[in-house]
Structure formats: C-alpha cells, structure tokens
Amino acid sequence: MILVDNMNLNGLIYFFAAIIFGPPLLLAIIGFAVKRNSNKSAKVLFTLSALYLLVAGGICGTLLAG
C-alpha cells in the first residue's frame, strides 16, 4: 500500500489516546470499587494505574510527536 500525502489519520490519534487513557481509567475505577473492602488492593490498583499512565504516555507520546 502506498501512503498518500493527504491521508486523514484522525482515527489513529483517537486510537493512541484510548490506549493511553483507557486502561488507567479502568484500573482507577476498579480501585475505587475495591477500596471499600480492601484498602491495600486499592493502593496497588492506583499504583498500577499511575505507572501505566506514565509509561504509556511516554511511549505513545513519543510516537505521536514524531
């Protein structure tokens, strides 16, 4: 497939944004739901959420920056 100069890549940007913000948001929501029963598990989920956001934002941000 030959790439054309006037291609619309808006869907690709939305895809990367979903990869960056989707899983951390889901982990944070699960963390808030679990916080009632187990405070330690909620802290682990919040930490994983922040770590994923940091790593995915760095990798995808670098890809989007060009």
PDB file of N, CA and C in Angstrom:
ATOM      1  N   MET A   1       0.842  -1.179   0.000  1.00  0.00           N
ATOM      2  CA  MET A   1       0.000   0.000   0.000  1.00  0.00           C
ATOM      3  C   MET A   1       0.882   1.234   0.000  1.00  0.00           C
ATOM      4  N   ILE A   2       0.597   2.116  -0.882  1.00  0.00           N
ATOM      5  CA  ILE A   2       1.368   3.348  -0.997  1.00  0.00           C
ATOM      6  C   ILE A   2       0.680   4.419  -0.151  1.00  0.00           C
ATOM      7  N   LEU A   3       1.472   5.086   0.723  1.00  0.00           N
ATOM      8  CA  LEU A   3       0.919   6.147   1.550  1.00  0.00           C
ATOM      9  C   LEU A   3       0.769   7.427   0.734  1.00  0.00           C
ATOM     10  N   VAL A   4      -0.364   8.042   0.850  1.00  0.00           N
ATOM     11  CA  VAL A   4      -0.658   9.275   0.129  1.00  0.00           C
ATOM     12  C   VAL A   4      -0.469  10.434   1.097  1.00  0.00           C
ATOM     13  N   ASP A   5      -0.040  11.580   0.589  1.00  0.00           N
ATOM     14  CA  ASP A   5       0.233  12.724   1.451  1.00  0.00           C
ATOM     15  C   ASP A   5      -1.010  13.293   2.118  1.00  0.00           C
ATOM     16  N   ASN A   6      -2.164  13.152   1.525  1.00  0.00           N
ATOM     17  CA  ASN A   6      -3.364  13.775   2.079  1.00  0.00           C
ATOM     18  C   ASN A   6      -4.250  12.765   2.826  1.00  0.00           C
ATOM     19  N   MET A   7      -3.659  11.783   3.482  1.00  0.00           N
ATOM     20  CA  MET A   7      -4.441  10.804   4.245  1.00  0.00           C
ATOM     21  C   MET A   7      -4.925  11.422   5.552  1.00  0.00           C
ATOM     22  N   ASN A   8      -6.112  11.060   5.979  1.00  0.00           N
ATOM     23  CA  ASN A   8      -6.675  11.526   7.238  1.00  0.00           C
ATOM     24  C   ASN A   8      -6.350  10.503   8.319  1.00  0.00           C
ATOM     25  N   LEU A   9      -5.541  10.886   9.291  1.00  0.00           N
ATOM     26  CA  LEU A   9      -5.115   9.977  10.353  1.00  0.00           C
ATOM     27  C   LEU A   9      -5.716  10.333  11.712  1.00  0.00           C
ATOM     28  N   ASN A  10      -6.880  10.972  11.728  1.00  0.00           N
ATOM     29  CA  ASN A  10      -7.508  11.336  12.991  1.00  0.00           C
ATOM     30  C   ASN A  10      -7.880  10.106  13.817  1.00  0.00           C
ATOM     31  N   GLY A  11      -8.287   9.049  13.160  1.00  0.00           N
ATOM     32  CA  GLY A  11      -8.646   7.829  13.879  1.00  0.00           C
ATOM     33  C   GLY A  11      -7.462   7.222  14.607  1.00  0.00           C
ATOM     34  N   LEU A  12      -6.281   7.366  14.056  1.00  0.00           N
ATOM     35  CA  LEU A  12      -5.075   6.849  14.689  1.00  0.00           C
ATOM     36  C   LEU A  12      -4.762   7.604  15.973  1.00  0.00           C
ATOM     37  N   ILE A  13      -4.986   8.901  15.975  1.00  0.00           N
ATOM     38  CA  ILE A  13      -4.755   9.701  17.178  1.00  0.00           C
ATOM     39  C   ILE A  13      -5.745   9.309  18.265  1.00  0.00           C
ATOM     40  N   TYR A  14      -7.003   9.084  17.890  1.00  0.00           N
ATOM     41  CA  TYR A  14      -8.001   8.643  18.871  1.00  0.00           C
ATOM     42  C   TYR A  14      -7.662   7.259  19.413  1.00  0.00           C
ATOM     43  N   PHE A  15      -7.123   6.411  18.558  1.00  0.00           N
ATOM     44  CA  PHE A  15      -6.712   5.072  18.983  1.00  0.00           C
ATOM     45  C   PHE A  15      -5.594   5.148  20.018  1.00  0.00           C
ATOM     46  N   PHE A  16      -4.580   5.974  19.752  1.00  0.00           N
ATOM     47  CA  PHE A  16      -3.494   6.130  20.714  1.00  0.00           C
ATOM     48  C   PHE A  16      -3.990   6.748  22.021  1.00  0.00           C
ATOM     49  N   ALA A  17      -4.917   7.695  21.938  1.00  0.00           N
ATOM     50  CA  ALA A  17      -5.476   8.298  23.151  1.00  0.00           C
ATOM     51  C   ALA A  17      -6.245   7.260  23.970  1.00  0.00           C
ATOM     52  N   ALA A  18      -6.945   6.359  23.288  1.00  0.00           N
ATOM     53  CA  ALA A  18      -7.662   5.297  24.000  1.00  0.00           C
ATOM     54  C   ALA A  18      -6.685   4.335  24.670  1.00  0.00           C
ATOM     55  N   ILE A  19      -5.556   4.065  24.019  1.00  0.00           N
ATOM     56  CA  ILE A  19      -4.547   3.192  24.621  1.00  0.00           C
ATOM     57  C   ILE A  19      -3.899   3.865  25.822  1.00  0.00           C
ATOM     58  N   ILE A  20      -3.669   5.180  25.730  1.00  0.00           N
ATOM     59  CA  ILE A  20      -3.016   5.894  26.831  1.00  0.00           C
ATOM     60  C   ILE A  20      -3.951   6.005  28.036  1.00  0.00           C
ATOM     61  N   PHE A  21      -5.195   6.402  27.836  1.00  0.00           N
ATOM     62  CA  PHE A  21      -6.070   6.735  28.954  1.00  0.00           C
ATOM     63  C   PHE A  21      -7.086   5.656  29.327  1.00  0.00           C
ATOM     64  N   GLY A  22      -7.314   4.670  28.470  1.00  0.00           N
ATOM     65  CA  GLY A  22      -8.329   3.650  28.741  1.00  0.00           C
ATOM     66  C   GLY A  22      -8.016   2.744  29.916  1.00  0.00           C
ATOM     67  N   PRO A  23      -6.935   1.981  29.865  1.00  0.00           N
ATOM     68  CA  PRO A  23      -6.634   1.066  30.973  1.00  0.00           C
ATOM     69  C   PRO A  23      -6.390   1.752  32.321  1.00  0.00           C
ATOM     70  N   PRO A  24      -5.677   2.901  32.383  1.00  0.00           N
ATOM     71  CA  PRO A  24      -5.542   3.537  33.694  1.00  0.00           C
ATOM     72  C   PRO A  24      -6.869   3.996  34.278  1.00  0.00           C
ATOM     73  N   LEU A  25      -7.756   4.465  33.420  1.00  0.00           N
ATOM     74  CA  LEU A  25      -9.076   4.879  33.898  1.00  0.00           C
ATOM     75  C   LEU A  25      -9.856   3.686  34.428  1.00  0.00           C
ATOM     76  N   LEU A  26      -9.784   2.574  33.730  1.00  0.00           N
ATOM     77  CA  LEU A  26     -10.453   1.356  34.171  1.00  0.00           C
ATOM     78  C   LEU A  26      -9.876   0.853  35.498  1.00  0.00           C
ATOM     79  N   LEU A  27      -8.547   0.863  35.626  1.00  0.00           N
ATOM     80  CA  LEU A  27      -7.912   0.433  36.881  1.00  0.00           C
ATOM     81  C   LEU A  27      -8.284   1.359  38.040  1.00  0.00           C
ATOM     82  N   ALA A  28      -8.374   2.654  37.783  1.00  0.00           N
ATOM     83  CA  ALA A  28      -8.760   3.588  38.841  1.00  0.00           C
ATOM     84  C   ALA A  28     -10.206   3.361  39.278  1.00  0.00           C
ATOM     85  N   ILE A  29     -11.101   3.094  38.341  1.00  0.00           N
ATOM     86  CA  ILE A  29     -12.499   2.827  38.688  1.00  0.00           C
ATOM     87  C   ILE A  29     -12.603   1.545  39.510  1.00  0.00           C
ATOM     88  N   ILE A  30     -11.871   0.515  39.110  1.00  0.00           N
ATOM     89  CA  ILE A  30     -11.856  -0.730  39.883  1.00  0.00           C
ATOM     90  C   ILE A  30     -11.258  -0.486  41.262  1.00  0.00           C
ATOM     91  N   GLY A  31     -10.221   0.357  41.331  1.00  0.00           N
ATOM     92  CA  GLY A  31      -9.615   0.687  42.622  1.00  0.00           C
ATOM     93  C   GLY A  31     -10.595   1.363  43.565  1.00  0.00           C
ATOM     94  N   PHE A  32     -11.396   2.293  43.035  1.00  0.00           N
ATOM     95  CA  PHE A  32     -12.409   2.939  43.882  1.00  0.00           C
ATOM     96  C   PHE A  32     -13.475   1.941  44.335  1.00  0.00           C
ATOM     97  N   ALA A  33     -13.811   0.985  43.476  1.00  0.00           N
ATOM     98  CA  ALA A  33     -14.817  -0.012  43.847  1.00  0.00           C
ATOM     99  C   ALA A  33     -14.279  -0.973  44.905  1.00  0.00           C
ATOM    100  N   VAL A  34     -12.989  -1.300  44.831  1.00  0.00           N
ATOM    101  CA  VAL A  34     -12.387  -2.263  45.758  1.00  0.00           C
ATOM    102  C   VAL A  34     -12.004  -1.599  47.080  1.00  0.00           C
ATOM    103  N   LYS A  35     -11.906  -0.282  47.094  1.00  0.00           N
ATOM    104  CA  LYS A  35     -11.427   0.440  48.277  1.00  0.00           C
ATOM    105  C   LYS A  35     -12.280   0.186  49.514  1.00  0.00           C
ATOM    106  N   ARG A  36     -13.542  -0.094  49.319  1.00  0.00           N
ATOM    107  CA  ARG A  36     -14.425  -0.367  50.459  1.00  0.00           C
ATOM    108  C   ARG A  36     -14.019  -1.641  51.190  1.00  0.00           C
ATOM    109  N   ASN A  37     -13.620  -2.658  50.434  1.00  0.00           N
ATOM    110  CA  ASN A  37     -13.316  -3.958  51.034  1.00  0.00           C
ATOM    111  C   ASN A  37     -11.856  -4.092  51.434  1.00  0.00           C
ATOM    112  N   SER A  38     -10.956  -3.668  50.580  1.00  0.00           N
ATOM    113  CA  SER A  38      -9.537  -3.889  50.818  1.00  0.00           C
ATOM    114  C   SER A  38      -8.756  -2.641  50.414  1.00  0.00           C
ATOM    115  N   ASN A  39      -8.247  -1.942  51.414  1.00  0.00           N
ATOM    116  CA  ASN A  39      -7.522  -0.716  51.157  1.00  0.00           C
ATOM    117  C   ASN A  39      -6.182  -0.996  50.465  1.00  0.00           C
ATOM    118  N   LYS A  40      -5.538  -2.110  50.834  1.00  0.00           N
ATOM    119  CA  LYS A  40      -4.238  -2.445  50.249  1.00  0.00           C
ATOM    120  C   LYS A  40      -4.366  -2.784  48.769  1.00  0.00           C
ATOM    121  N   SER A  41      -5.382  -3.515  48.396  1.00  0.00           N
ATOM    122  CA  SER A  41      -5.604  -3.842  46.984  1.00  0.00           C
ATOM    123  C   SER A  41      -5.895  -2.586  46.172  1.00  0.00           C
ATOM    124  N   ALA A  42      -6.631  -1.665  46.764  1.00  0.00           N
ATOM    125  CA  ALA A  42      -6.937  -0.415  46.069  1.00  0.00           C
ATOM    126  C   ALA A  42      -5.663   0.389  45.825  1.00  0.00           C
ATOM    127  N   LYS A  43      -4.754   0.409  46.791  1.00  0.00           N
ATOM    128  CA  LYS A  43      -3.489   1.123  46.610  1.00  0.00           C
ATOM    129  C   LYS A  43      -2.659   0.503  45.493  1.00  0.00           C
ATOM    130  N   VAL A  44      -2.674  -0.818  45.398  1.00  0.00           N
ATOM    131  CA  VAL A  44      -1.949  -1.495  44.322  1.00  0.00           C
ATOM    132  C   VAL A  44      -2.545  -1.123  42.973  1.00  0.00           C
ATOM    133  N   LEU A  45      -3.870  -1.104  42.870  1.00  0.00           N
ATOM    134  CA  LEU A  45      -4.518  -0.747  41.606  1.00  0.00           C
ATOM    135  C   LEU A  45      -4.254   0.703  41.223  1.00  0.00           C
ATOM    136  N   PHE A  46      -4.261   1.615  42.203  1.00  0.00           N
ATOM    137  CA  PHE A  46      -3.962   3.011  41.913  1.00  0.00           C
ATOM    138  C   PHE A  46      -2.514   3.176  41.458  1.00  0.00           C
ATOM    139  N   THR A  47      -1.604   2.431  42.085  1.00  0.00           N
ATOM    140  CA  THR A  47      -0.198   2.496  41.690  1.00  0.00           C
ATOM    141  C   THR A  47      -0.012   1.958  40.279  1.00  0.00           C
ATOM    142  N   LEU A  48      -0.655   0.832  39.966  1.00  0.00           N
ATOM    143  CA  LEU A  48      -0.575   0.288  38.608  1.00  0.00           C
ATOM    144  C   LEU A  48      -1.164   1.252  37.581  1.00  0.00           C
ATOM    145  N   SER A  49      -2.238   1.910  37.963  1.00  0.00           N
ATOM    146  CA  SER A  49      -2.865   2.870  37.070  1.00  0.00           C
ATOM    147  C   SER A  49      -1.918   4.028  36.771  1.00  0.00           C
ATOM    148  N   ALA A  50      -1.294   4.570  37.796  1.00  0.00           N
ATOM    149  CA  ALA A  50      -0.365   5.689  37.603  1.00  0.00           C
ATOM    150  C   ALA A  50       0.864   5.255  36.806  1.00  0.00           C
ATOM    151  N   LEU A  51       1.377   4.076  37.079  1.00  0.00           N
ATOM    152  CA  LEU A  51       2.547   3.574  36.368  1.00  0.00           C
ATOM    153  C   LEU A  51       2.232   3.342  34.893  1.00  0.00           C
ATOM    154  N   TYR A  52       1.079   2.753  34.609  1.00  0.00           N
ATOM    155  CA  TYR A  52       0.677   2.522  33.215  1.00  0.00           C
ATOM    156  C   TYR A  52       0.519   3.847  32.487  1.00  0.00           C
ATOM    157  N   LEU A  53      -0.095   4.821  33.147  1.00  0.00           N
ATOM    158  CA  LEU A  53      -0.292   6.121  32.513  1.00  0.00           C
ATOM    159  C   LEU A  53       1.045   6.784  32.214  1.00  0.00           C
ATOM    160  N   LEU A  54       1.988   6.669  33.119  1.00  0.00           N
ATOM    161  CA  LEU A  54       3.310   7.255  32.917  1.00  0.00           C
ATOM    162  C   LEU A  54       4.053   6.591  31.766  1.00  0.00           C
ATOM    163  N   VAL A  55       4.064   5.268  31.734  1.00  0.00           N
ATOM    164  CA  VAL A  55       4.781   4.545  30.692  1.00  0.00           C
ATOM    165  C   VAL A  55       4.086   4.684  29.336  1.00  0.00           C
ATOM    166  N   ALA A  56       2.783   4.491  29.302  1.00  0.00           N
ATOM    167  CA  ALA A  56       2.052   4.586  28.027  1.00  0.00           C
ATOM    168  C   ALA A  56       2.077   6.012  27.490  1.00  0.00           C
ATOM    169  N   GLY A  57       1.990   6.978  28.364  1.00  0.00           N
ATOM    170  CA  GLY A  57       2.076   8.368  27.909  1.00  0.00           C
ATOM    171  C   GLY A  57       3.422   8.703  27.330  1.00  0.00           C
ATOM    172  N   GLY A  58       4.464   8.141  27.897  1.00  0.00           N
ATOM    173  CA  GLY A  58       5.799   8.386  27.363  1.00  0.00           C
ATOM    174  C   GLY A  58       6.028   7.712  26.035  1.00  0.00           C
ATOM    175  N   ILE A  59       5.615   6.468  25.909  1.00  0.00           N
ATOM    176  CA  ILE A  59       5.837   5.730  24.661  1.00  0.00           C
ATOM    177  C   ILE A  59       4.933   6.256  23.549  1.00  0.00           C
ATOM    178  N   CYS A  60       3.641   6.357  23.819  1.00  0.00           N
ATOM    179  CA  CYS A  60       2.718   6.832  22.773  1.00  0.00           C
ATOM    180  C   CYS A  60       2.936   8.303  22.470  1.00  0.00           C
ATOM    181  N   GLY A  61       3.296   9.074  23.493  1.00  0.00           N
ATOM    182  CA  GLY A  61       3.580  10.491  23.265  1.00  0.00           C
ATOM    183  C   GLY A  61       4.783  10.671  22.357  1.00  0.00           C
ATOM    184  N   THR A  62       5.775   9.820  22.527  1.00  0.00           N
ATOM    185  CA  THR A  62       6.940   9.877  21.652  1.00  0.00           C
ATOM    186  C   THR A  62       6.560   9.487  20.226  1.00  0.00           C
ATOM    187  N   LEU A  63       5.712   8.487  20.082  1.00  0.00           N
ATOM    188  CA  LEU A  63       5.273   8.081  18.742  1.00  0.00           C
ATOM    189  C   LEU A  63       4.454   9.190  18.064  1.00  0.00           C
ATOM    190  N   LEU A  64       3.599   9.863  18.828  1.00  0.00           N
ATOM    191  CA  LEU A  64       2.773  10.899  18.244  1.00  0.00           C
ATOM    192  C   LEU A  64       3.581  12.150  17.923  1.00  0.00           C
ATOM    193  N   ALA A  65       4.630  12.413  18.702  1.00  0.00           N
ATOM    194  CA  ALA A  65       5.433  13.607  18.472  1.00  0.00           C
ATOM    195  C   ALA A  65       6.253  13.488  17.190  1.00  0.00           C
ATOM    196  N   GLY A  66       6.510  12.265  16.803  1.00  0.00           N
ATOM    197  CA  GLY A  66       7.148  12.077  15.516  1.00  0.00           C
ATOM    198  C   GLY A  66       8.574  11.782  15.596  1.00  0.00           C
TER     199      GLY A  66
END
